[in-house]
PDB file of N, CA and C in Angstrom:
ATOM      1  N   MET A   1       7.363 -18.835   3.538  1.00  0.00           N
ATOM      2  CA  MET A   1       6.628 -17.821   4.266  1.00  0.00           C
ATOM      3  C   MET A   1       5.389 -18.467   4.888  1.00  0.00           C
ATOM      4  N   THR A   2       5.120 -18.131   6.137  1.00  0.00           N
ATOM      5  CA  THR A   2       3.964 -18.700   6.816  1.00  0.00           C
ATOM      6  C   THR A   2       2.675 -18.087   6.280  1.00  0.00           C
ATOM      7  N   ALA A   3       1.571 -18.779   6.506  1.00  0.00           N
ATOM      8  CA  ALA A   3       0.271 -18.274   6.065  1.00  0.00           C
ATOM      9  C   ALA A   3      -0.042 -16.937   6.731  1.00  0.00           C
ATOM     10  N   TYR A   4       0.332 -16.789   7.999  1.00  0.00           N
ATOM     11  CA  TYR A   4       0.099 -15.529   8.696  1.00  0.00           C
ATOM     12  C   TYR A   4       0.875 -14.390   8.045  1.00  0.00           C
ATOM     13  N   ASN A   5       2.146 -14.620   7.758  1.00  0.00           N
ATOM     14  CA  ASN A   5       2.963 -13.576   7.134  1.00  0.00           C
ATOM     15  C   ASN A   5       2.443 -13.208   5.754  1.00  0.00           C
ATOM     16  N   GLU A   6       1.977 -14.197   5.009  1.00  0.00           N
ATOM     17  CA  GLU A   6       1.420 -13.917   3.681  1.00  0.00           C
ATOM     18  C   GLU A   6       0.135 -13.095   3.801  1.00  0.00           C
ATOM     19  N   THR A   7      -0.701 -13.424   4.761  1.00  0.00           N
ATOM     20  CA  THR A   7      -1.926 -12.653   4.989  1.00  0.00           C
ATOM     21  C   THR A   7      -1.586 -11.229   5.403  1.00  0.00           C
ATOM     22  N   LEU A   8      -0.613 -11.080   6.279  1.00  0.00           N
ATOM     23  CA  LEU A   8      -0.187  -9.756   6.727  1.00  0.00           C
ATOM     24  C   LEU A   8       0.339  -8.940   5.551  1.00  0.00           C
ATOM     25  N   ARG A   9       1.100  -9.563   4.671  1.00  0.00           N
ATOM     26  CA  ARG A   9       1.638  -8.880   3.491  1.00  0.00           C
ATOM     27  C   ARG A   9       0.499  -8.383   2.599  1.00  0.00           C
ATOM     28  N   LYS A  10      -0.523  -9.194   2.395  1.00  0.00           N
ATOM     29  CA  LYS A  10      -1.667  -8.788   1.566  1.00  0.00           C
ATOM     30  C   LYS A  10      -2.405  -7.614   2.200  1.00  0.00           C
ATOM     31  N   HIS A  11      -2.577  -7.665   3.515  1.00  0.00           N
ATOM     32  CA  HIS A  11      -3.231  -6.562   4.220  1.00  0.00           C
ATOM     33  C   HIS A  11      -2.389  -5.287   4.156  1.00  0.00           C
ATOM     34  N   ARG A  12      -1.076  -5.430   4.277  1.00  0.00           N
ATOM     35  CA  ARG A  12      -0.179  -4.278   4.203  1.00  0.00           C
ATOM     36  C   ARG A  12      -0.324  -3.595   2.844  1.00  0.00           C
ATOM     37  N   ARG A  13      -0.346  -4.371   1.779  1.00  0.00           N
ATOM     38  CA  ARG A  13      -0.483  -3.808   0.435  1.00  0.00           C
ATOM     39  C   ARG A  13      -1.811  -3.078   0.276  1.00  0.00           C
ATOM     40  N   LEU A  14      -2.888  -3.685   0.769  1.00  0.00           N
ATOM     41  CA  LEU A  14      -4.193  -3.029   0.673  1.00  0.00           C
ATOM     42  C   LEU A  14      -4.226  -1.751   1.500  1.00  0.00           C
ATOM     43  N   ALA A  15      -3.689  -1.790   2.722  1.00  0.00           N
ATOM     44  CA  ALA A  15      -3.699  -0.600   3.578  1.00  0.00           C
ATOM     45  C   ALA A  15      -2.932   0.550   2.934  1.00  0.00           C
ATOM     46  N   ILE A  16      -1.827   0.243   2.277  1.00  0.00           N
ATOM     47  CA  ILE A  16      -1.069   1.274   1.570  1.00  0.00           C
ATOM     48  C   ILE A  16      -1.928   1.889   0.479  1.00  0.00           C
ATOM     49  N   LEU A  17      -2.546   1.055  -0.336  1.00  0.00           N
ATOM     50  CA  LEU A  17      -3.367   1.570  -1.439  1.00  0.00           C
ATOM     51  C   LEU A  17      -4.579   2.341  -0.935  1.00  0.00           C
ATOM     52  N   ARG A  18      -5.202   1.865   0.126  1.00  0.00           N
ATOM     53  CA  ARG A  18      -6.370   2.573   0.668  1.00  0.00           C
ATOM     54  C   ARG A  18      -5.979   3.947   1.210  1.00  0.00           C
ATOM     55  N   HIS A  19      -4.823   4.032   1.855  1.00  0.00           N
ATOM     56  CA  HIS A  19      -4.377   5.334   2.350  1.00  0.00           C
ATOM     57  C   HIS A  19      -4.110   6.278   1.179  1.00  0.00           C
ATOM     58  N   LEU A  20      -3.416   5.795   0.177  1.00  0.00           N
ATOM     59  CA  LEU A  20      -3.124   6.644  -0.981  1.00  0.00           C
ATOM     60  C   LEU A  20      -4.406   7.094  -1.668  1.00  0.00           C
ATOM     61  N   GLU A  21      -5.371   6.203  -1.755  1.00  0.00           N
ATOM     62  CA  GLU A  21      -6.654   6.539  -2.395  1.00  0.00           C
ATOM     63  C   GLU A  21      -7.361   7.660  -1.640  1.00  0.00           C
ATOM     64  N   ALA A  22      -7.165   7.711  -0.330  1.00  0.00           N
ATOM     65  CA  ALA A  22      -7.824   8.730   0.492  1.00  0.00           C
ATOM     66  C   ALA A  22      -7.075  10.067   0.514  1.00  0.00           C
ATOM     67  N   CYS A  23      -5.841  10.084   0.047  1.00  0.00           N
ATOM     68  CA  CYS A  23      -5.022  11.301   0.072  1.00  0.00           C
ATOM     69  C   CYS A  23      -5.283  12.183  -1.143  1.00  0.00           C
ATOM     70  N   MET A  24      -5.147  13.505  -0.921  1.00  0.00           N
ATOM     71  CA  MET A  24      -5.226  14.429  -2.039  1.00  0.00           C
ATOM     72  C   MET A  24      -4.132  14.067  -3.034  1.00  0.00           C
ATOM     73  N   ASP A  25      -4.456  14.064  -4.282  1.00  0.00           N
ATOM     74  CA  ASP A  25      -3.525  13.715  -5.362  1.00  0.00           C
ATOM     75  C   ASP A  25      -3.023  12.276  -5.256  1.00  0.00           C
ATOM     76  N   TYR A  26      -3.662  11.447  -4.408  1.00  0.00           N
ATOM     77  CA  TYR A  26      -3.285  10.038  -4.246  1.00  0.00           C
ATOM     78  C   TYR A  26      -1.809   9.879  -3.887  1.00  0.00           C
ATOM     79  N   THR A  27      -1.273  10.841  -3.142  1.00  0.00           N
ATOM     80  CA  THR A  27       0.165  10.897  -2.880  1.00  0.00           C
ATOM     81  C   THR A  27       0.456  10.942  -1.379  1.00  0.00           C
ATOM     82  N   SER A  28       1.510  10.226  -0.975  1.00  0.00           N
ATOM     83  CA  SER A  28       1.984  10.244   0.401  1.00  0.00           C
ATOM     84  C   SER A  28       3.475   9.907   0.366  1.00  0.00           C
ATOM     85  N   ASN A  29       4.055   9.649   1.524  1.00  0.00           N
ATOM     86  CA  ASN A  29       5.453   9.221   1.531  1.00  0.00           C
ATOM     87  C   ASN A  29       5.622   8.007   2.432  1.00  0.00           C
ATOM     88  N   ALA A  30       6.754   7.331   2.300  1.00  0.00           N
ATOM     89  CA  ALA A  30       6.979   6.068   3.002  1.00  0.00           C
ATOM     90  C   ALA A  30       6.944   6.229   4.512  1.00  0.00           C
ATOM     91  N   SER A  31       7.432   7.342   5.031  1.00  0.00           N
ATOM     92  CA  SER A  31       7.417   7.551   6.478  1.00  0.00           C
ATOM     93  C   SER A  31       5.990   7.654   7.007  1.00  0.00           C
ATOM     94  N   ILE A  32       5.162   8.410   6.322  1.00  0.00           N
ATOM     95  CA  ILE A  32       3.765   8.527   6.736  1.00  0.00           C
ATOM     96  C   ILE A  32       3.064   7.183   6.599  1.00  0.00           C
ATOM     97  N   LEU A  33       3.336   6.469   5.514  1.00  0.00           N
ATOM     98  CA  LEU A  33       2.719   5.159   5.325  1.00  0.00           C
ATOM     99  C   LEU A  33       3.082   4.198   6.458  1.00  0.00           C
ATOM    100  N   THR A  34       4.304   4.264   6.946  1.00  0.00           N
ATOM    101  CA  THR A  34       4.711   3.423   8.075  1.00  0.00           C
ATOM    102  C   THR A  34       3.864   3.737   9.297  1.00  0.00           C
ATOM    103  N   ASP A  35       3.656   5.020   9.576  1.00  0.00           N
ATOM    104  CA  ASP A  35       2.818   5.430  10.711  1.00  0.00           C
ATOM    105  C   ASP A  35       1.362   5.025  10.505  1.00  0.00           C
ATOM    106  N   VAL A  36       0.861   5.189   9.287  1.00  0.00           N
ATOM    107  CA  VAL A  36      -0.532   4.823   8.985  1.00  0.00           C
ATOM    108  C   VAL A  36      -0.734   3.325   9.208  1.00  0.00           C
ATOM    109  N   LEU A  37       0.192   2.517   8.728  1.00  0.00           N
ATOM    110  CA  LEU A  37       0.073   1.069   8.908  1.00  0.00           C
ATOM    111  C   LEU A  37       0.065   0.704  10.385  1.00  0.00           C
ATOM    112  N   ASP A  38       0.924   1.347  11.175  1.00  0.00           N
ATOM    113  CA  ASP A  38       0.907   1.102  12.620  1.00  0.00           C
ATOM    114  C   ASP A  38      -0.460   1.446  13.202  1.00  0.00           C
ATOM    115  N   GLY A  39      -1.045   2.534  12.729  1.00  0.00           N
ATOM    116  CA  GLY A  39      -2.337   2.995  13.239  1.00  0.00           C
ATOM    117  C   GLY A  39      -3.507   2.095  12.898  1.00  0.00           C
ATOM    118  N   VAL A  40      -3.372   1.292  11.855  1.00  0.00           N
ATOM    119  CA  VAL A  40      -4.467   0.380  11.487  1.00  0.00           C
ATOM    120  C   VAL A  40      -4.153  -1.063  11.886  1.00  0.00           C
ATOM    121  N   GLY A  41      -3.139  -1.230  12.739  1.00  0.00           N
ATOM    122  CA  GLY A  41      -2.850  -2.551  13.279  1.00  0.00           C
ATOM    123  C   GLY A  41      -2.007  -3.454  12.393  1.00  0.00           C
ATOM    124  N   VAL A  42      -1.385  -2.886  11.373  1.00  0.00           N
ATOM    125  CA  VAL A  42      -0.502  -3.652  10.493  1.00  0.00           C
ATOM    126  C   VAL A  42       0.915  -3.123  10.722  1.00  0.00           C
ATOM    127  N   THR A  43       1.423  -3.342  11.929  1.00  0.00           N
ATOM    128  CA  THR A  43       2.724  -2.815  12.308  1.00  0.00           C
ATOM    129  C   THR A  43       3.774  -3.272  11.306  1.00  0.00           C
ATOM    130  N   SER A  44       4.534  -2.302  10.793  1.00  0.00           N
ATOM    131  CA  SER A  44       5.492  -2.578   9.731  1.00  0.00           C
ATOM    132  C   SER A  44       6.749  -1.747   9.926  1.00  0.00           C
ATOM    133  N   SER A  45       7.883  -2.350   9.611  1.00  0.00           N
ATOM    134  CA  SER A  45       9.134  -1.599   9.625  1.00  0.00           C
ATOM    135  C   SER A  45       9.216  -0.781   8.341  1.00  0.00           C
ATOM    136  N   ARG A  46      10.098   0.181   8.335  1.00  0.00           N
ATOM    137  CA  ARG A  46      10.297   0.974   7.114  1.00  0.00           C
ATOM    138  C   ARG A  46      10.751   0.082   5.968  1.00  0.00           C
ATOM    139  N   ASP A  47      11.622  -0.887   6.254  1.00  0.00           N
ATOM    140  CA  ASP A  47      12.072  -1.813   5.212  1.00  0.00           C
ATOM    141  C   ASP A  47      10.912  -2.599   4.623  1.00  0.00           C
ATOM    142  N   GLN A  48       9.982  -3.033   5.462  1.00  0.00           N
ATOM    143  CA  GLN A  48       8.810  -3.756   4.962  1.00  0.00           C
ATOM    144  C   GLN A  48       7.968  -2.861   4.068  1.00  0.00           C
ATOM    145  N   VAL A  49       7.781  -1.615   4.470  1.00  0.00           N
ATOM    146  CA  VAL A  49       6.992  -0.679   3.671  1.00  0.00           C
ATOM    147  C   VAL A  49       7.670  -0.439   2.325  1.00  0.00           C
ATOM    148  N   VAL A  50       8.963  -0.202   2.336  1.00  0.00           N
ATOM    149  CA  VAL A  50       9.699   0.051   1.092  1.00  0.00           C
ATOM    150  C   VAL A  50       9.653  -1.184   0.188  1.00  0.00           C
ATOM    151  N   THR A  51       9.771  -2.367   0.776  1.00  0.00           N
ATOM    152  CA  THR A  51       9.677  -3.604  -0.009  1.00  0.00           C
ATOM    153  C   THR A  51       8.311  -3.724  -0.673  1.00  0.00           C
ATOM    154  N   GLU A  52       7.247  -3.437   0.071  1.00  0.00           N
ATOM    155  CA  GLU A  52       5.898  -3.522  -0.502  1.00  0.00           C
ATOM    156  C   GLU A  52       5.683  -2.433  -1.554  1.00  0.00           C
ATOM    157  N   LEU A  53       6.232  -1.262  -1.326  1.00  0.00           N
ATOM    158  CA  LEU A  53       6.121  -0.199  -2.332  1.00  0.00           C
ATOM    159  C   LEU A  53       6.814  -0.613  -3.627  1.00  0.00           C
ATOM    160  N   ALA A  54       7.969  -1.257  -3.510  1.00  0.00           N
ATOM    161  CA  ALA A  54       8.672  -1.732  -4.705  1.00  0.00           C
ATOM    162  C   ALA A  54       7.826  -2.771  -5.434  1.00  0.00           C
ATOM    163  N   TRP A  55       7.191  -3.674  -4.679  1.00  0.00           N
ATOM    164  CA  TRP A  55       6.317  -4.684  -5.290  1.00  0.00           C
ATOM    165  C   TRP A  55       5.125  -4.013  -5.973  1.00  0.00           C
ATOM    166  N   LEU A  56       4.494  -3.059  -5.273  1.00  0.00           N
ATOM    167  CA  LEU A  56       3.348  -2.355  -5.849  1.00  0.00           C
ATOM    168  C   LEU A  56       3.749  -1.593  -7.112  1.00  0.00           C
ATOM    169  N   LYS A  57       4.934  -1.005  -7.112  1.00  0.00           N
ATOM    170  CA  LYS A  57       5.415  -0.289  -8.295  1.00  0.00           C
ATOM    171  C   LYS A  57       5.664  -1.268  -9.442  1.00  0.00           C
ATOM    172  N   GLU A  58       6.328  -2.363  -9.145  1.00  0.00           N
ATOM    173  CA  GLU A  58       6.629  -3.379 -10.163  1.00  0.00           C
ATOM    174  C   GLU A  58       5.361  -3.908 -10.822  1.00  0.00           C
ATOM    175  N   ASN A  59       4.271  -3.949 -10.062  1.00  0.00           N
ATOM    176  CA  ASN A  59       3.001  -4.465 -10.569  1.00  0.00           C
ATOM    177  C   ASN A  59       2.066  -3.374 -11.087  1.00  0.00           C
ATOM    178  N   GLY A  60       2.536  -2.132 -11.111  1.00  0.00           N
ATOM    179  CA  GLY A  60       1.781  -1.043 -11.725  1.00  0.00           C
ATOM    180  C   GLY A  60       0.718  -0.392 -10.858  1.00  0.00           C
ATOM    181  N   PHE A  61       0.789  -0.582  -9.531  1.00  0.00           N
ATOM    182  CA  PHE A  61      -0.224  -0.016  -8.647  1.00  0.00           C
ATOM    183  C   PHE A  61       0.184   1.328  -8.063  1.00  0.00           C
ATOM    184  N   VAL A  62       1.474   1.620  -8.044  1.00  0.00           N
ATOM    185  CA  VAL A  62       1.982   2.908  -7.574  1.00  0.00           C
ATOM    186  C   VAL A  62       3.173   3.318  -8.429  1.00  0.00           C
ATOM    187  N   THR A  63       3.497   4.596  -8.322  1.00  0.00           N
ATOM    188  CA  THR A  63       4.768   5.103  -8.831  1.00  0.00           C
ATOM    189  C   THR A  63       5.422   5.823  -7.660  1.00  0.00           C
ATOM    190  N   PHE A  64       6.726   5.967  -7.696  1.00  0.00           N
ATOM    191  CA  PHE A  64       7.365   6.762  -6.654  1.00  0.00           C
ATOM    192  C   PHE A  64       8.683   7.320  -7.133  1.00  0.00           C
ATOM    193  N   GLU A  65       9.047   8.411  -6.467  1.00  0.00           N
ATOM    194  CA  GLU A  65      10.322   9.077  -6.688  1.00  0.00           C
ATOM    195  C   GLU A  65      11.163   8.868  -5.442  1.00  0.00           C
ATOM    196  N   ASP A  66      12.378   8.455  -5.630  1.00  0.00           N
ATOM    197  CA  ASP A  66      13.296   8.285  -4.516  1.00  0.00           C
ATOM    198  C   ASP A  66      14.000   9.616  -4.288  1.00  0.00           C
ATOM    199  N   ALA A  67      13.613  10.308  -3.217  1.00  0.00           N
ATOM    200  CA  ALA A  67      14.193  11.611  -2.903  1.00  0.00           C
ATOM    201  C   ALA A  67      15.295  11.470  -1.858  1.00  0.00           C
ATOM    202  N   GLY A  68      15.958  10.346  -1.839  1.00  0.00           N
ATOM    203  CA  GLY A  68      17.049  10.121  -0.898  1.00  0.00           C
ATOM    204  C   GLY A  68      16.553   9.698   0.469  1.00  0.00           C
ATOM    205  N   ALA A  69      16.217  10.640   1.312  1.00  0.00           N
ATOM    206  CA  ALA A  69      15.782  10.337   2.676  1.00  0.00           C
ATOM    207  C   ALA A  69      14.358   9.789   2.743  1.00  0.00           C
ATOM    208  N   PHE A  70      13.564  10.028   1.700  1.00  0.00           N
ATOM    209  CA  PHE A  70      12.197   9.523   1.720  1.00  0.00           C
ATOM    210  C   PHE A  70      11.704   9.261   0.303  1.00  0.00           C
ATOM    211  N   LEU A  71      10.643   8.448   0.225  1.00  0.00           N
ATOM    212  CA  LEU A  71      10.012   8.126  -1.054  1.00  0.00           C
ATOM    213  C   LEU A  71       8.667   8.827  -1.134  1.00  0.00           C
ATOM    214  N   VAL A  72       8.418   9.533  -2.216  1.00  0.00           N
ATOM    215  CA  VAL A  72       7.114  10.144  -2.463  1.00  0.00           C
ATOM    216  C   VAL A  72       6.367   9.183  -3.379  1.00  0.00           C
ATOM    217  N   VAL A  73       5.236   8.675  -2.896  1.00  0.00           N
ATOM    218  CA  VAL A  73       4.499   7.607  -3.562  1.00  0.00           C
ATOM    219  C   VAL A  73       3.165   8.132  -4.072  1.00  0.00           C
ATOM    220  N   GLU A  74       2.787   7.716  -5.276  1.00  0.00           N
ATOM    221  CA  GLU A  74       1.490   8.078  -5.854  1.00  0.00           C
ATOM    222  C   GLU A  74       0.810   6.820  -6.379  1.00  0.00           C
ATOM    223  N   ALA A  75      -0.451   6.658  -6.041  1.00  0.00           N
ATOM    224  CA  ALA A  75      -1.228   5.532  -6.560  1.00  0.00           C
ATOM    225  C   ALA A  75      -1.535   5.759  -8.033  1.00  0.00           C
ATOM    226  N   THR A  76      -1.499   4.692  -8.815  1.00  0.00           N
ATOM    227  CA  THR A  76      -1.920   4.756 -10.210  1.00  0.00           C
ATOM    228  C   THR A  76      -3.431   4.534 -10.259  1.00  0.00           C
ATOM    229  N   ALA A  77      -4.009   4.710 -11.436  1.00  0.00           N
ATOM    230  CA  ALA A  77      -5.451   4.456 -11.594  1.00  0.00           C
ATOM    231  C   ALA A  77      -5.772   3.011 -11.206  1.00  0.00           C
ATOM    232  N   ARG A  78      -4.916   2.084 -11.575  1.00  0.00           N
ATOM    233  CA  ARG A  78      -5.122   0.671 -11.217  1.00  0.00           C
ATOM    234  C   ARG A  78      -5.048   0.473  -9.700  1.00  0.00           C
ATOM    235  N   GLY A  79      -4.124   1.155  -9.050  1.00  0.00           N
ATOM    236  CA  GLY A  79      -4.020   1.065  -7.600  1.00  0.00           C
ATOM    237  C   GLY A  79      -5.262   1.590  -6.899  1.00  0.00           C
ATOM    238  N   VAL A  80      -5.819   2.669  -7.414  1.00  0.00           N
ATOM    239  CA  VAL A  80      -7.056   3.222  -6.846  1.00  0.00           C
ATOM    240  C   VAL A  80      -8.209   2.247  -7.054  1.00  0.00           C
ATOM    241  N   GLU A  81      -8.263   1.598  -8.206  1.00  0.00           N
ATOM    242  CA  GLU A  81      -9.313   0.595  -8.449  1.00  0.00           C
ATOM    243  C   GLU A  81      -9.223  -0.558  -7.451  1.00  0.00           C
ATOM    244  N   ILE A  82      -8.016  -0.988  -7.145  1.00  0.00           N
ATOM    245  CA  ILE A  82      -7.823  -2.053  -6.151  1.00  0.00           C
ATOM    246  C   ILE A  82      -8.288  -1.563  -4.778  1.00  0.00           C
ATOM    247  N   ALA A  83      -7.895  -0.354  -4.388  1.00  0.00           N
ATOM    248  CA  ALA A  83      -8.259   0.201  -3.082  1.00  0.00           C
ATOM    249  C   ALA A  83      -9.769   0.307  -2.921  1.00  0.00           C
ATOM    250  N   ARG A  84     -10.447   0.617  -3.998  1.00  0.00           N
ATOM    251  CA  ARG A  84     -11.904   0.776  -3.952  1.00  0.00           C
ATOM    252  C   ARG A  84     -12.644  -0.542  -4.122  1.00  0.00           C
ATOM    253  N   GLY A  85     -11.927  -1.613  -4.416  1.00  0.00           N
ATOM    254  CA  GLY A  85     -12.565  -2.915  -4.602  1.00  0.00           C
ATOM    255  C   GLY A  85     -13.166  -3.103  -5.977  1.00  0.00           C
ATOM    256  N   ARG A  86     -12.851  -2.234  -6.917  1.00  0.00           N
ATOM    257  CA  ARG A  86     -13.371  -2.328  -8.285  1.00  0.00           C
ATOM    258  C   ARG A  86     -12.560  -3.298  -9.137  1.00  0.00           C
ATOM    259  N   ALA A  87     -11.361  -3.611  -8.668  1.00  0.00           N
ATOM    260  CA  ALA A  87     -10.499  -4.590  -9.324  1.00  0.00           C
ATOM    261  C   ALA A  87      -9.853  -5.421  -8.218  1.00  0.00           C
ATOM    262  N   LEU A  88      -9.413  -6.602  -8.562  1.00  0.00           N
ATOM    263  CA  LEU A  88      -8.813  -7.503  -7.591  1.00  0.00           C
ATOM    264  C   LEU A  88      -7.467  -7.988  -8.079  1.00  0.00           C
ATOM    265  N   HIS A  89      -6.624  -8.367  -7.141  1.00  0.00           N
ATOM    266  CA  HIS A  89      -5.345  -8.989  -7.438  1.00  0.00           C
ATOM    267  C   HIS A  89      -5.137 -10.069  -6.372  1.00  0.00           C
ATOM    268  N   PRO A  90      -4.705 -11.265  -6.765  1.00  0.00           N
ATOM    269  CA  PRO A  90      -4.585 -12.349  -5.790  1.00  0.00           C
ATOM    270  C   PRO A  90      -3.548 -12.115  -4.695  1.00  0.00           C
ATOM    271  N   GLU A  91      -2.635 -11.179  -4.891  1.00  0.00           N
ATOM    272  CA  GLU A  91      -1.597 -10.912  -3.896  1.00  0.00           C
ATOM    273  C   GLU A  91      -1.886  -9.673  -3.044  1.00  0.00           C
ATOM    274  N   ILE A  92      -3.115  -9.141  -3.162  1.00  0.00           N
ATOM    275  CA  ILE A  92      -3.552  -7.999  -2.354  1.00  0.00           C
ATOM    276  C   ILE A  92      -4.879  -8.387  -1.717  1.00  0.00           C
ATOM    277  N   GLN A  93      -5.009  -8.132  -0.426  1.00  0.00           N
ATOM    278  CA  GLN A  93      -6.247  -8.447   0.277  1.00  0.00           C
ATOM    279  C   GLN A  93      -7.422  -7.738  -0.376  1.00  0.00           C
ATOM    280  N   ARG A  94      -8.504  -8.435  -0.544  1.00  0.00           N
ATOM    281  CA  ARG A  94      -9.720  -7.817  -1.074  1.00  0.00           C
ATOM    282  C   ARG A  94     -10.305  -6.918   0.002  1.00  0.00           C
ATOM    283  N   PRO A  95     -10.646  -5.667  -0.346  1.00  0.00           N
ATOM    284  CA  PRO A  95     -11.200  -4.784   0.688  1.00  0.00           C
ATOM    285  C   PRO A  95     -12.586  -5.250   1.129  1.00  0.00           C
ATOM    286  N   SER A  96     -12.876  -5.034   2.396  1.00  0.00           N
ATOM    287  CA  SER A  96     -14.215  -5.347   2.886  1.00  0.00           C
ATOM    288  C   SER A  96     -15.164  -4.255   2.437  1.00  0.00           C
ATOM    289  N   ALA A  97     -16.444  -4.549   2.469  1.00  0.00           N
ATOM    290  CA  ALA A  97     -17.444  -3.573   2.030  1.00  0.00           C
ATOM    291  C   ALA A  97     -17.425  -2.356   2.942  1.00  0.00           C
ATOM    292  N   ARG A  98     -17.550  -1.202   2.328  1.00  0.00           N
ATOM    293  CA  ARG A  98     -17.646   0.049   3.089  1.00  0.00           C
ATOM    294  C   ARG A  98     -19.109   0.433   3.156  1.00  0.00           C
ATOM    295  N   ARG A  99     -19.496   1.034   4.248  1.00  0.00           N
ATOM    296  CA  ARG A  99     -20.897   1.443   4.394  1.00  0.00           C
ATOM    297  C   ARG A  99     -21.197   2.671   3.612  1.00  0.00           C
TER     298      ARG A  99
END
């Protein structure tokens, strides 16, 4: 994997967690997350989003239910800590300071 692709993957993971952290009940779905990522300049296919969600779930940052046509995703307490910059993970981009 190229350095650019690895950086993009880290940003994608952070953008997912930051969106979930901002949502009521820390919950969203994969389709909305795909649109959100496009809106923040991290253009991603649905397959890329689902792959990152699986990675985030495997590492304990999200949980999700597979409802067939879509995935309902919820951030865990650890995922919210990462989104807020209170915890770090080497495979997720560190969030920049918020004003």
